[in-house]
Amino acid sequence: MFDKLQQLKELKKMRDEAMTIQKALDAETVEVEKRGVTVKITLAQRVVSIESNGKGDEDIVEAVNEAVKESQKSAAKKMQQMGGFDSLKGMMGGGN
């Protein structure tokens, strides 16, 4: 019982740390201009704006953000199938 409680505490701590990191990454942006198209994106891979010849297009921004979100979900599923974080912990010497 105590082990389960400890595991839940560790899981919550990891989740809180991940949320803090996510917020920090979402607070900073990079902007790239290429051939008249400017894209502004957060370090958390959320597109803030896309402009072409000085005109923005919110529909494109929403579509790109949805594509990124779906790719992240698929990547998470793939990682779970491949052993996920448990295999990473094992590779880093973090086995129990």
N, C-alpha and C. Protein backbone atom coordinates (compact mmCIF):
# COMPACT_ATOMS: atom_id res chain seq x y z
N MET A 1 0.83 -1.19 0.00
CA MET A 1 0.00 0.00 0.00
C MET A 1 0.87 1.25 0.00
N PHE A 2 1.90 1.26 0.85
CA PHE A 2 2.78 2.42 0.94
C PHE A 2 3.50 2.66 -0.39
N ASP A 3 3.91 1.56 -1.06
CA ASP A 3 4.59 1.69 -2.35
C ASP A 3 3.68 2.36 -3.38
N LYS A 4 2.41 1.98 -3.40
CA LYS A 4 1.46 2.59 -4.34
C LYS A 4 1.30 4.07 -4.06
N LEU A 5 1.23 4.44 -2.79
CA LEU A 5 1.09 5.84 -2.40
C LEU A 5 2.34 6.62 -2.83
N GLN A 6 3.48 6.03 -2.61
CA GLN A 6 4.74 6.67 -3.00
C GLN A 6 4.81 6.84 -4.52
N GLN A 7 4.37 5.81 -5.25
CA GLN A 7 4.35 5.89 -6.71
C GLN A 7 3.43 7.00 -7.18
N LEU A 8 2.26 7.14 -6.55
CA LEU A 8 1.33 8.20 -6.92
C LEU A 8 1.92 9.58 -6.65
N LYS A 9 2.63 9.71 -5.53
CA LYS A 9 3.28 10.98 -5.21
C LYS A 9 4.35 11.31 -6.26
N GLU A 10 5.13 10.30 -6.64
CA GLU A 10 6.17 10.51 -7.65
C GLU A 10 5.56 10.86 -8.99
N LEU A 11 4.47 10.18 -9.35
CA LEU A 11 3.78 10.46 -10.60
C LEU A 11 3.24 11.89 -10.62
N LYS A 12 2.65 12.33 -9.52
CA LYS A 12 2.14 13.70 -9.43
C LYS A 12 3.28 14.70 -9.56
N LYS A 13 4.40 14.40 -8.90
CA LYS A 13 5.56 15.29 -8.97
C LYS A 13 6.06 15.40 -10.41
N MET A 14 6.14 14.27 -11.10
CA MET A 14 6.59 14.26 -12.49
C MET A 14 5.61 15.04 -13.37
N ARG A 15 4.32 14.87 -13.12
CA ARG A 15 3.30 15.58 -13.90
C ARG A 15 3.41 17.08 -13.66
N ASP A 16 3.59 17.48 -12.41
CA ASP A 16 3.73 18.90 -12.08
C ASP A 16 4.97 19.50 -12.76
N GLU A 17 6.07 18.74 -12.75
CA GLU A 17 7.30 19.20 -13.40
C GLU A 17 7.09 19.33 -14.90
N ALA A 18 6.39 18.37 -15.49
CA ALA A 18 6.11 18.41 -16.93
C ALA A 18 5.25 19.63 -17.28
N MET A 19 4.27 19.92 -16.43
CA MET A 19 3.40 21.08 -16.67
C MET A 19 4.20 22.38 -16.57
N THR A 20 5.12 22.45 -15.62
CA THR A 20 5.97 23.63 -15.47
C THR A 20 6.84 23.82 -16.70
N ILE A 21 7.42 22.73 -17.17
CA ILE A 21 8.25 22.78 -18.37
C ILE A 21 7.41 23.20 -19.57
N GLN A 22 6.21 22.62 -19.70
CA GLN A 22 5.32 22.95 -20.81
C GLN A 22 5.00 24.44 -20.82
N LYS A 23 4.67 25.00 -19.66
CA LYS A 23 4.35 26.43 -19.56
C LYS A 23 5.55 27.28 -19.96
N ALA A 24 6.73 26.89 -19.50
CA ALA A 24 7.95 27.64 -19.83
C ALA A 24 8.22 27.59 -21.33
N LEU A 25 8.03 26.42 -21.93
CA LEU A 25 8.26 26.29 -23.38
C LEU A 25 7.21 27.06 -24.17
N ASP A 26 6.00 27.13 -23.65
CA ASP A 26 4.93 27.83 -24.35
C ASP A 26 5.07 29.35 -24.22
N ALA A 27 5.85 29.81 -23.25
CA ALA A 27 6.02 31.25 -23.02
C ALA A 27 7.04 31.88 -23.97
N GLU A 28 7.89 31.07 -24.57
CA GLU A 28 8.92 31.59 -25.46
C GLU A 28 8.60 31.22 -26.90
N THR A 29 8.96 32.11 -27.82
CA THR A 29 8.67 31.87 -29.23
C THR A 29 9.91 32.05 -30.09
N VAL A 30 9.85 31.46 -31.27
CA VAL A 30 10.83 31.72 -32.32
C VAL A 30 10.04 32.17 -33.54
N GLU A 31 10.67 32.97 -34.37
CA GLU A 31 10.03 33.46 -35.57
C GLU A 31 10.96 33.20 -36.75
N VAL A 32 10.41 32.61 -37.79
CA VAL A 32 11.20 32.28 -38.97
C VAL A 32 10.52 32.91 -40.19
N GLU A 33 11.33 33.53 -41.04
CA GLU A 33 10.81 34.10 -42.29
C GLU A 33 11.50 33.39 -43.44
N LYS A 34 10.71 32.89 -44.36
CA LYS A 34 11.26 32.17 -45.51
C LYS A 34 10.40 32.47 -46.73
N ARG A 35 10.98 33.08 -47.73
CA ARG A 35 10.30 33.37 -48.99
C ARG A 35 8.97 34.10 -48.81
N GLY A 36 8.97 35.10 -47.94
CA GLY A 36 7.79 35.92 -47.76
C GLY A 36 6.77 35.37 -46.78
N VAL A 37 7.03 34.20 -46.21
CA VAL A 37 6.13 33.60 -45.22
C VAL A 37 6.82 33.67 -43.86
N THR A 38 6.10 34.21 -42.86
CA THR A 38 6.63 34.31 -41.51
C THR A 38 5.81 33.41 -40.59
N VAL A 39 6.51 32.55 -39.85
CA VAL A 39 5.87 31.65 -38.91
C VAL A 39 6.43 31.95 -37.53
N LYS A 40 5.52 32.14 -36.58
CA LYS A 40 5.89 32.35 -35.18
C LYS A 40 5.35 31.16 -34.40
N ILE A 41 6.24 30.47 -33.66
CA ILE A 41 5.87 29.24 -32.97
C ILE A 41 6.51 29.23 -31.58
N THR A 42 5.79 28.65 -30.62
CA THR A 42 6.35 28.54 -29.27
C THR A 42 7.34 27.37 -29.25
N LEU A 43 8.17 27.34 -28.20
CA LEU A 43 9.11 26.23 -28.05
C LEU A 43 8.37 24.93 -27.73
N ALA A 44 7.08 25.03 -27.39
CA ALA A 44 6.24 23.84 -27.15
C ALA A 44 5.56 23.39 -28.44
N GLN A 45 5.97 23.95 -29.56
CA GLN A 45 5.48 23.59 -30.90
C GLN A 45 4.03 24.01 -31.14
N ARG A 46 3.59 25.09 -30.52
CA ARG A 46 2.26 25.64 -30.79
C ARG A 46 2.45 26.85 -31.68
N VAL A 47 1.83 26.81 -32.87
CA VAL A 47 1.95 27.91 -33.82
C VAL A 47 1.15 29.10 -33.31
N VAL A 48 1.82 30.25 -33.24
CA VAL A 48 1.18 31.48 -32.79
C VAL A 48 0.61 32.23 -34.00
N SER A 49 1.40 32.32 -35.07
CA SER A 49 0.91 33.02 -36.25
C SER A 49 1.65 32.54 -37.50
N ILE A 50 0.94 32.67 -38.62
CA ILE A 50 1.52 32.43 -39.94
C ILE A 50 1.09 33.60 -40.81
N GLU A 51 2.05 34.27 -41.41
CA GLU A 51 1.74 35.40 -42.29
C GLU A 51 2.42 35.18 -43.63
N SER A 52 1.68 35.47 -44.68
CA SER A 52 2.22 35.41 -46.03
C SER A 52 1.96 36.76 -46.68
N ASN A 53 3.01 37.41 -47.10
CA ASN A 53 2.92 38.74 -47.69
C ASN A 53 2.16 39.70 -46.78
N GLY A 54 2.42 39.61 -45.48
CA GLY A 54 1.83 40.52 -44.51
C GLY A 54 0.41 40.18 -44.10
N LYS A 55 -0.17 39.13 -44.64
CA LYS A 55 -1.53 38.73 -44.28
C LYS A 55 -1.50 37.46 -43.45
N GLY A 56 -2.25 37.45 -42.33
CA GLY A 56 -2.34 36.27 -41.48
C GLY A 56 -3.51 35.40 -41.90
N ASP A 57 -3.47 34.13 -41.54
CA ASP A 57 -4.56 33.21 -41.84
C ASP A 57 -4.78 32.29 -40.65
N GLU A 58 -5.80 32.60 -39.85
CA GLU A 58 -6.09 31.84 -38.62
C GLU A 58 -6.46 30.39 -38.92
N ASP A 59 -7.11 30.12 -40.05
CA ASP A 59 -7.48 28.75 -40.41
C ASP A 59 -6.24 27.87 -40.57
N ILE A 60 -5.21 28.42 -41.18
CA ILE A 60 -3.96 27.67 -41.36
C ILE A 60 -3.31 27.42 -40.00
N VAL A 61 -3.29 28.43 -39.15
CA VAL A 61 -2.71 28.30 -37.81
C VAL A 61 -3.42 27.17 -37.05
N GLU A 62 -4.75 27.16 -37.06
CA GLU A 62 -5.52 26.13 -36.36
C GLU A 62 -5.24 24.75 -36.93
N ALA A 63 -5.17 24.64 -38.26
CA ALA A 63 -4.92 23.35 -38.90
C ALA A 63 -3.53 22.82 -38.55
N VAL A 64 -2.53 23.69 -38.57
CA VAL A 64 -1.17 23.27 -38.23
C VAL A 64 -1.09 22.84 -36.77
N ASN A 65 -1.71 23.61 -35.87
CA ASN A 65 -1.70 23.23 -34.45
C ASN A 65 -2.39 21.89 -34.23
N GLU A 66 -3.48 21.63 -34.93
CA GLU A 66 -4.17 20.35 -34.80
C GLU A 66 -3.29 19.21 -35.32
N ALA A 67 -2.58 19.46 -36.41
CA ALA A 67 -1.67 18.44 -36.96
C ALA A 67 -0.55 18.12 -35.98
N VAL A 68 0.03 19.16 -35.35
CA VAL A 68 1.08 18.95 -34.36
C VAL A 68 0.54 18.14 -33.19
N LYS A 69 -0.66 18.50 -32.70
CA LYS A 69 -1.28 17.80 -31.57
C LYS A 69 -1.50 16.33 -31.90
N GLU A 70 -2.02 16.04 -33.08
CA GLU A 70 -2.27 14.65 -33.48
C GLU A 70 -0.96 13.88 -33.63
N SER A 71 0.08 14.54 -34.15
CA SER A 71 1.37 13.86 -34.30
C SER A 71 1.96 13.54 -32.92
N GLN A 72 1.75 14.42 -31.94
CA GLN A 72 2.25 14.17 -30.59
C GLN A 72 1.50 13.00 -29.95
N LYS A 73 0.18 12.92 -30.17
CA LYS A 73 -0.60 11.79 -29.65
C LYS A 73 -0.11 10.48 -30.26
N SER A 74 0.11 10.49 -31.57
CA SER A 74 0.58 9.28 -32.24
C SER A 74 1.97 8.89 -31.76
N ALA A 75 2.83 9.87 -31.54
CA ALA A 75 4.18 9.60 -31.03
C ALA A 75 4.11 9.00 -29.64
N ALA A 76 3.20 9.51 -28.78
CA ALA A 76 3.05 8.98 -27.43
C ALA A 76 2.58 7.52 -27.48
N LYS A 77 1.63 7.21 -28.35
CA LYS A 77 1.15 5.83 -28.50
C LYS A 77 2.29 4.92 -28.96
N LYS A 78 3.07 5.41 -29.92
CA LYS A 78 4.19 4.61 -30.44
C LYS A 78 5.21 4.35 -29.34
N MET A 79 5.49 5.36 -28.52
CA MET A 79 6.44 5.19 -27.42
C MET A 79 5.93 4.16 -26.43
N GLN A 80 4.61 4.17 -26.14
CA GLN A 80 4.04 3.18 -25.23
C GLN A 80 4.21 1.78 -25.80
N GLN A 81 3.96 1.63 -27.09
CA GLN A 81 4.10 0.32 -27.72
C GLN A 81 5.54 -0.17 -27.68
N MET A 82 6.47 0.75 -27.69
CA MET A 82 7.89 0.40 -27.70
C MET A 82 8.46 0.29 -26.29
N GLY A 83 7.62 0.39 -25.28
CA GLY A 83 8.09 0.27 -23.91
C GLY A 83 8.07 1.57 -23.16
N GLY A 84 7.84 2.67 -23.86
CA GLY A 84 7.65 3.97 -23.25
C GLY A 84 8.77 4.40 -22.32
N PHE A 85 8.38 5.10 -21.28
CA PHE A 85 9.34 5.68 -20.35
C PHE A 85 10.03 4.63 -19.51
N ASP A 86 9.37 3.48 -19.30
CA ASP A 86 10.02 2.42 -18.52
C ASP A 86 11.30 1.96 -19.20
N SER A 87 11.26 1.81 -20.53
CA SER A 87 12.47 1.39 -21.23
C SER A 87 13.52 2.49 -21.20
N LEU A 88 13.09 3.75 -21.26
CA LEU A 88 14.05 4.85 -21.15
C LEU A 88 14.72 4.88 -19.80
N LYS A 89 13.92 4.67 -18.73
CA LYS A 89 14.49 4.62 -17.39
C LYS A 89 15.50 3.50 -17.28
N GLY A 90 15.18 2.36 -17.87
CA GLY A 90 16.09 1.22 -17.84
C GLY A 90 17.40 1.53 -18.54
N MET A 91 17.31 2.23 -19.69
CA MET A 91 18.50 2.59 -20.44
C MET A 91 19.36 3.58 -19.66
N MET A 92 18.71 4.40 -18.82
CA MET A 92 19.44 5.43 -18.07
C MET A 92 19.84 4.93 -16.68
N GLY A 93 19.61 3.67 -16.42
CA GLY A 93 20.02 3.11 -15.14
C GLY A 93 19.06 3.40 -14.02
N GLY A 94 17.80 3.72 -14.35
CA GLY A 94 16.85 4.08 -13.32
C GLY A 94 15.91 2.94 -12.96
N GLY A 95 16.33 1.73 -13.16
CA GLY A 95 15.47 0.59 -12.83
C GLY A 95 15.27 0.43 -11.34
N ASN A 96 14.15 -0.21 -10.97
CA ASN A 96 13.85 -0.41 -9.54
C ASN A 96 14.53 -1.62 -9.00
